[in-house]
Amino acid sequence: MPLHAARALWDPRPGWLNTASYGLPPRTAVAELHRVIGQWQRGDTDWTAWDAATGRARDAFARLVAAPAADIAVGATVSQALSALAAALPADAEVLAPEEEFTSNLFPWAVGARLRTVPLDRLADAVTARTRVVAFSLVQSADGRRAPIADVLTAARDHDALTVTDASQACGWLPVQATRFDVLTCAAYKWLMAPRGATYTYLSPRARDHMRPIAANWYAGSDPGGSYYGPPLRLAPDARAFDLSPAWFSQVGAAVTLQLLGRIGVAAVHEHDTALSARFHAGLGLAPTGGAIATATAGPAALRRLAEAGVRAAVRAGRIRVSFHLYTTEDDVDRAVAALTGHS
């Protein structure tokens, strides 16, 4: 589907530059959610019709990240997804992470392992023979910086460390190949534009060998319908062993948006988003970063002008953070630049 045609499915109020906080759904996803919530309200169907969306969403995410669907686990949050590995590490295991990392990819490790943090640009050099896991985001939440992936993967491989990456600020606009990593997890409510409550995690067979299914449940059974009652433990032989019982309506919305993104193509979204980012940087006299997230210094007056112009953005690490996605327009960018520079 051409991007220009797909964009007609979105109805953002002008000035939304905060996809890094949450993405906006297409009308098709909203309509489907209204339809199934009506079914829920009236008792028109059983839950299996809604649960079928979980399989469609899993498959669509797998295609987006070029991974087998059998290696994708369904959950609710990034921290929950990572806890199955974190809880299985020995207490003296070293986990290395950037000091700027969002805490969903820090706190699970800090609970039971020995967490060591370094600046992002020193991450690869800091991997040692003691490092069991290197945990990092593909794109940093606060400022959009991208991790030095090739260097980190080489260093981790040289020291036999697992690589665990949070792709929540990447999947949907940045082409991603999950199988480069041992674990790749993504909260779908940002660039994948799904309702909050759906997270998808690539778990390599190597990673699963180090994990413990601490949230084992009926849905993770080899036959979920035959796992309602009683022992013995009978989990799926693949990544589904780490599934959580899904939030049905989150999966309903996610299936629509993930399948739509697959038809549009992440490459086209990447081209659109980074062009808008370059326009924003040029308007402020800054060099482009090639990302979909941008930051700028903004004092109280500039923040007030942004609000008056109807620009909705975020403040992170003391700077204004704006983010651009497929529904963002050049007018959105220009009104933000005008507000930040004080030019009408």
Protein backbone atom coordinates (compact mmCIF):
# COMPACT_ATOMS: atom_id res chain seq x y z
CA MET A 1 0.00 0.00 0.00
CA PRO A 2 1.48 3.40 -0.95
CA LEU A 3 2.28 5.55 2.07
CA HIS A 4 0.36 8.55 0.74
CA ALA A 5 -2.79 6.44 0.48
CA ALA A 6 -2.32 4.85 3.89
CA ARG A 7 -1.93 8.21 5.61
CA ALA A 8 -5.58 8.96 4.79
CA LEU A 9 -6.49 6.33 7.42
CA TRP A 10 -5.25 8.56 10.26
CA ASP A 11 -7.01 11.56 11.80
CA PRO A 12 -4.47 13.36 14.01
CA ARG A 13 -5.18 16.83 15.29
CA PRO A 14 -2.38 19.00 13.86
CA GLY A 15 0.70 19.30 16.05
CA TRP A 16 1.05 15.74 17.38
CA LEU A 17 4.83 15.26 17.67
CA ASN A 18 4.87 12.74 20.51
CA THR A 19 4.80 9.26 19.01
CA ALA A 20 7.80 8.41 21.20
CA SER A 21 5.29 8.56 24.07
CA TYR A 22 2.41 6.85 22.27
CA GLY A 23 1.39 6.32 18.67
CA LEU A 24 -1.94 7.21 17.11
CA PRO A 25 -4.12 4.41 15.69
CA PRO A 26 -5.62 4.31 12.21
CA ARG A 27 -9.39 4.55 11.88
CA THR A 28 -9.50 0.88 10.89
CA ALA A 29 -8.09 -0.15 14.27
CA VAL A 30 -10.47 2.13 16.15
CA ALA A 31 -13.44 0.77 14.19
CA GLU A 32 -12.42 -2.81 14.93
CA LEU A 33 -12.05 -2.04 18.63
CA HIS A 34 -15.51 -0.45 18.71
CA ARG A 35 -16.91 -3.53 16.97
CA VAL A 36 -15.49 -6.05 19.43
CA ILE A 37 -16.26 -3.90 22.46
CA GLY A 38 -19.84 -3.87 21.25
CA GLN A 39 -19.72 -7.66 21.12
CA TRP A 40 -18.38 -7.69 24.67
CA GLN A 41 -21.11 -5.30 25.81
CA ARG A 42 -23.87 -7.44 24.32
CA GLY A 43 -22.35 -10.88 24.89
CA ASP A 44 -22.54 -11.65 21.18
CA THR A 45 -19.60 -14.06 21.01
CA ASP A 46 -17.16 -16.02 23.09
CA TRP A 47 -13.59 -14.82 23.64
CA THR A 48 -11.97 -17.07 21.06
CA ALA A 49 -12.98 -14.73 18.26
CA TRP A 50 -11.05 -11.91 19.94
CA ASP A 51 -8.13 -14.14 20.83
CA ALA A 52 -7.60 -15.01 17.17
CA ALA A 53 -6.19 -11.49 16.81
CA THR A 54 -3.25 -12.55 19.00
CA GLY A 55 -2.03 -15.00 16.38
CA ARG A 56 -2.47 -12.43 13.60
CA ALA A 57 -0.53 -9.84 15.60
CA ARG A 58 2.24 -12.31 16.44
CA ASP A 59 2.61 -13.28 12.79
CA ALA A 60 2.58 -9.66 11.60
CA PHE A 61 5.21 -8.62 14.14
CA ALA A 62 7.39 -11.57 13.15
CA ARG A 63 7.28 -10.44 9.53
CA LEU A 64 8.12 -6.86 10.50
CA VAL A 65 11.28 -7.97 12.31
CA ALA A 66 12.17 -10.81 9.92
CA ALA A 67 11.93 -13.57 12.53
CA PRO A 68 10.04 -16.89 12.76
CA ALA A 69 6.65 -16.52 14.44
CA ALA A 70 7.53 -19.55 16.60
CA ASP A 71 10.26 -17.44 18.21
CA ILE A 72 7.91 -14.59 19.20
CA ALA A 73 6.40 -14.43 22.69
CA VAL A 74 3.37 -12.28 23.49
CA GLY A 75 3.27 -10.25 26.68
CA ALA A 76 2.15 -6.97 28.20
CA THR A 77 5.26 -4.93 29.03
CA VAL A 78 8.97 -4.86 28.26
CA SER A 79 10.02 -5.34 31.87
CA GLN A 80 7.79 -8.42 32.19
CA ALA A 81 9.25 -9.89 29.01
CA LEU A 82 12.82 -9.44 30.23
CA SER A 83 12.16 -10.78 33.71
CA ALA A 84 12.05 -14.38 32.51
CA LEU A 85 15.72 -14.10 31.59
CA ALA A 86 16.71 -11.80 34.46
CA ALA A 87 15.22 -14.12 37.08
CA ALA A 88 17.19 -17.07 35.72
CA LEU A 89 20.61 -15.39 35.95
CA PRO A 90 22.96 -16.26 38.79
CA ALA A 91 23.20 -13.55 41.46
CA ASP A 92 26.79 -12.79 40.48
CA ALA A 93 26.06 -12.52 36.74
CA GLU A 94 27.11 -9.21 35.25
CA VAL A 95 24.63 -7.36 33.06
CA LEU A 96 26.09 -4.42 31.14
CA ALA A 97 23.82 -1.58 30.01
CA PRO A 98 23.99 2.09 29.03
CA GLU A 99 23.63 4.48 31.93
CA GLU A 100 21.09 6.45 29.86
CA GLU A 101 18.87 3.39 29.36
CA PHE A 102 15.14 3.53 30.07
CA THR A 103 14.53 1.68 33.30
CA SER A 104 12.30 -1.03 31.81
CA ASN A 105 15.58 -2.47 30.51
CA LEU A 106 17.48 -1.77 33.74
CA PHE A 107 15.31 -2.58 36.74
CA PRO A 108 14.67 -6.26 35.84
CA TRP A 109 18.42 -6.88 35.83
CA ALA A 110 19.09 -4.82 38.96
CA VAL A 111 16.70 -6.95 41.02
CA GLY A 112 18.79 -10.10 40.95
CA ALA A 113 21.99 -9.69 38.95
CA ARG A 114 25.00 -7.39 39.12
CA LEU A 115 24.14 -4.42 36.90
CA ARG A 116 26.98 -2.28 35.52
CA THR A 117 26.28 0.82 33.46
CA VAL A 118 28.52 2.87 31.18
CA PRO A 119 27.86 5.67 28.69
CA LEU A 120 26.21 4.39 25.51
CA ASP A 121 29.19 5.25 23.31
CA ARG A 122 31.44 3.10 25.52
CA LEU A 123 29.13 0.09 25.65
CA ALA A 124 31.01 -2.14 23.21
CA ASP A 125 34.40 -1.40 24.77
CA ALA A 126 33.06 -2.20 28.24
CA VAL A 127 32.12 -5.83 27.49
CA THR A 128 34.44 -8.22 29.32
CA ALA A 129 34.75 -11.92 30.03
CA ARG A 130 32.59 -11.37 33.16
CA THR A 131 29.66 -9.99 31.13
CA ARG A 132 26.77 -12.42 30.78
CA VAL A 133 24.24 -10.05 29.18
CA VAL A 134 24.55 -6.80 27.23
CA ALA A 135 21.21 -4.98 27.47
CA PHE A 136 20.48 -1.82 25.47
CA SER A 137 17.85 -0.01 23.44
CA LEU A 138 18.20 0.20 19.67
CA VAL A 139 17.05 3.81 19.94
CA GLN A 140 17.33 5.76 23.17
CA SER A 141 14.05 7.06 24.56
CA ALA A 142 15.37 10.38 25.86
CA ASP A 143 17.09 11.68 22.73
CA GLY A 144 16.75 9.22 19.87
CA ARG A 145 20.41 8.19 19.73
CA ARG A 146 20.97 4.84 18.08
CA ALA A 147 23.13 2.16 19.63
CA PRO A 148 26.41 1.15 17.95
CA ILE A 149 24.85 -2.19 17.07
CA ALA A 150 27.62 -3.77 15.01
CA ASP A 151 30.29 -2.98 17.60
CA VAL A 152 28.17 -4.23 20.50
CA LEU A 153 27.25 -7.45 18.71
CA THR A 154 30.90 -8.13 17.88
CA ALA A 155 32.04 -7.49 21.45
CA ALA A 156 29.26 -9.65 22.89
CA ARG A 157 30.03 -12.50 20.52
CA ASP A 158 33.73 -12.32 21.34
CA HIS A 159 32.90 -12.74 25.04
CA ASP A 160 29.97 -15.18 24.63
CA ALA A 161 27.51 -12.70 26.17
CA LEU A 162 23.81 -12.61 25.38
CA THR A 163 22.49 -9.51 23.61
CA VAL A 164 19.14 -8.15 24.77
CA THR A 165 17.68 -5.12 23.02
CA ASP A 166 14.60 -2.99 23.61
CA ALA A 167 13.26 -1.96 20.21
CA SER A 168 10.23 -0.03 21.47
CA GLN A 169 11.55 3.23 20.01
CA ALA A 170 12.63 1.55 16.75
CA CYS A 171 10.13 -1.02 15.45
CA GLY A 172 7.67 0.68 13.13
CA TRP A 173 9.98 3.28 11.59
CA LEU A 174 13.47 1.69 11.62
CA PRO A 175 14.10 -1.51 9.67
CA VAL A 176 14.96 -4.17 12.26
CA GLN A 177 16.21 -7.75 11.96
CA ALA A 178 15.48 -9.41 15.26
CA THR A 179 17.59 -12.51 14.66
CA ARG A 180 20.77 -10.46 14.98
CA PHE A 181 20.11 -10.46 18.73
CA ASP A 182 19.43 -13.10 21.35
CA VAL A 183 16.39 -11.19 22.63
CA LEU A 184 14.51 -8.31 21.04
CA THR A 185 11.46 -6.91 22.79
CA CYS A 186 9.06 -4.17 21.72
CA ALA A 187 6.15 -2.43 23.43
CA ALA A 188 3.67 -1.93 20.61
CA TYR A 189 1.94 1.24 21.80
CA LYS A 190 4.54 3.62 20.39
CA TRP A 191 5.69 3.35 16.75
CA LEU A 192 3.52 0.26 16.15
CA MET A 193 0.50 2.37 17.16
CA ALA A 194 -1.30 -0.37 19.09
CA PRO A 195 -3.25 -0.06 22.34
CA ARG A 196 -1.06 -0.25 25.43
CA GLY A 197 -0.93 -3.78 26.80
CA ALA A 198 0.68 -5.60 23.87
CA THR A 199 4.40 -6.41 23.79
CA TYR A 200 6.15 -8.78 21.42
CA THR A 201 9.51 -10.41 22.13
CA TYR A 202 11.83 -12.36 19.87
CA LEU A 203 13.48 -15.11 21.91
CA SER A 204 16.23 -17.02 20.17
CA PRO A 205 16.60 -20.73 20.99
CA ARG A 206 19.92 -19.82 22.64
CA ALA A 207 18.22 -17.27 24.88
CA ARG A 208 15.41 -19.67 25.80
CA ASP A 209 17.99 -22.15 27.05
CA HIS A 210 18.94 -19.56 29.70
CA MET A 211 15.39 -18.58 30.70
CA ARG A 212 12.83 -19.73 33.23
CA PRO A 213 9.08 -19.30 32.49
CA ILE A 214 8.30 -17.59 35.77
CA ALA A 215 4.86 -16.53 34.53
CA ALA A 216 3.88 -19.99 33.24
CA ASN A 217 0.14 -20.08 32.56
CA TRP A 218 -2.51 -21.89 30.56
CA TYR A 219 -1.98 -19.75 27.47
CA ALA A 220 1.67 -20.82 27.32
CA GLY A 221 0.65 -24.47 27.18
CA SER A 222 1.48 -26.68 24.22
CA ASP A 223 -2.31 -26.94 23.84
CA PRO A 224 -3.82 -23.88 25.56
CA GLY A 225 -7.32 -25.35 25.40
CA GLY A 226 -6.05 -28.48 27.11
CA SER A 227 -4.15 -26.59 29.80
CA TYR A 228 -7.06 -25.15 31.77
CA TYR A 229 -6.84 -27.47 34.75
CA GLY A 230 -4.39 -29.55 36.69
CA PRO A 231 -0.79 -30.70 36.39
CA PRO A 232 1.58 -31.74 34.96
CA LEU A 233 3.35 -28.70 33.55
CA ARG A 234 3.04 -28.91 29.77
CA LEU A 235 4.39 -25.75 28.13
CA ALA A 236 4.82 -25.05 24.42
CA PRO A 237 8.17 -26.15 22.98
CA ASP A 238 8.90 -22.76 21.40
CA ALA A 239 8.73 -19.10 22.46
CA ARG A 240 5.04 -19.49 23.32
CA ALA A 241 6.19 -21.06 26.59
CA PHE A 242 6.82 -17.45 27.67
CA ASP A 243 3.46 -16.04 26.53
CA LEU A 244 1.19 -14.22 28.92
CA SER A 245 -2.54 -14.70 28.58
CA PRO A 246 -3.22 -11.75 26.25
CA ALA A 247 -5.22 -8.61 26.81
CA TRP A 248 -7.75 -9.34 24.08
CA PHE A 249 -8.64 -5.83 23.00
CA SER A 250 -5.01 -4.70 22.93
CA GLN A 251 -4.32 -7.59 20.56
CA VAL A 252 -7.34 -6.74 18.42
CA GLY A 253 -6.03 -3.22 17.86
CA ALA A 254 -2.45 -4.40 17.45
CA ALA A 255 -3.33 -6.94 14.76
CA VAL A 256 -4.89 -4.24 12.59
CA THR A 257 -2.01 -1.78 12.87
CA LEU A 258 0.74 -4.39 12.53
CA GLN A 259 -0.81 -5.87 9.41
CA LEU A 260 -1.29 -2.38 7.97
CA LEU A 261 2.35 -1.50 8.64
CA GLY A 262 3.34 -4.67 6.87
CA ARG A 263 1.40 -3.60 3.77
CA ILE A 264 2.90 -0.10 3.84
CA GLY A 265 6.45 -1.29 4.47
CA VAL A 266 8.79 -0.02 7.16
CA ALA A 267 11.23 1.25 4.52
CA ALA A 268 8.65 3.75 3.25
CA VAL A 269 7.83 4.87 6.80
CA HIS A 270 11.54 5.28 7.53
CA GLU A 271 12.01 7.50 4.49
CA HIS A 272 9.03 9.68 5.45
CA ASP A 273 9.91 10.00 9.14
CA THR A 274 13.58 10.78 8.63
CA ALA A 275 12.79 13.37 5.95
CA LEU A 276 10.58 15.21 8.43
CA SER A 277 13.30 14.94 11.07
CA ALA A 278 15.81 16.44 8.64
CA ARG A 279 13.36 19.29 7.95
CA PHE A 280 13.07 19.96 11.68
CA HIS A 281 16.84 20.00 12.17
CA ALA A 282 17.36 22.27 9.15
CA GLY A 283 14.77 24.69 10.52
CA LEU A 284 16.79 24.99 13.72
CA GLY A 285 20.13 25.15 11.92
CA LEU A 286 21.19 21.72 13.19
CA ALA A 287 22.75 18.76 11.42
CA PRO A 288 20.31 15.91 10.71
CA THR A 289 20.63 12.77 12.79
CA GLY A 290 18.91 10.30 10.49
CA GLY A 291 16.43 9.33 13.22
CA ALA A 292 12.72 9.83 13.86
CA ILE A 293 13.27 11.44 17.28
CA ALA A 294 14.81 14.87 17.73
CA THR A 295 15.61 17.04 20.72
CA ALA A 296 16.22 20.73 21.18
CA THR A 297 16.88 23.17 23.98
CA ALA A 298 13.69 24.96 24.91
CA GLY A 299 13.22 27.49 27.70
CA PRO A 300 9.89 28.42 29.31
CA ALA A 301 9.03 30.90 26.55
CA ALA A 302 9.57 28.33 23.80
CA LEU A 303 7.55 25.73 25.70
CA ARG A 304 4.74 28.24 26.04
CA ARG A 305 4.86 29.00 22.30
CA LEU A 306 4.74 25.29 21.49
CA ALA A 307 1.62 24.88 23.62
CA GLU A 308 0.01 27.95 22.06
CA ALA A 309 0.74 26.55 18.59
CA GLY A 310 -0.95 23.29 19.51
CA VAL A 311 2.26 21.28 19.37
CA ARG A 312 2.19 18.28 21.70
CA ALA A 313 5.65 17.02 22.49
CA ALA A 314 7.54 15.82 25.57
CA VAL A 315 10.35 17.01 27.81
CA ARG A 316 13.01 14.39 28.47
CA ALA A 317 16.37 14.81 30.20
CA GLY A 318 15.87 18.57 30.29
CA ARG A 319 15.24 18.98 26.53
CA ILE A 320 12.17 19.16 24.34
CA ARG A 321 11.68 15.86 22.51
CA VAL A 322 9.73 15.69 19.27
CA SER A 323 9.06 12.60 17.19
CA PHE A 324 7.82 12.09 13.65
CA HIS A 325 5.76 9.25 12.24
CA LEU A 326 3.82 8.39 9.12
CA TYR A 327 0.86 10.64 10.04
CA THR A 328 3.13 13.64 10.74
CA THR A 329 3.01 16.43 8.14
CA GLU A 330 5.43 19.14 7.06
CA ASP A 331 3.02 21.64 8.62
CA ASP A 332 3.41 19.88 11.98
CA VAL A 333 7.18 20.24 11.68
CA ASP A 334 7.05 23.87 10.57
CA ARG A 335 4.77 24.96 13.39
CA ALA A 336 7.16 23.35 15.91
CA VAL A 337 10.17 25.08 14.34
CA ALA A 338 8.34 28.42 14.32
CA ALA A 339 7.45 28.05 17.99
CA LEU A 340 10.98 27.09 19.00
CA THR A 341 12.61 29.89 17.03
CA GLY A 342 10.00 32.51 17.90
CA HIS A 343 9.14 33.11 14.23
CA SER A 344 5.50 33.28 13.22
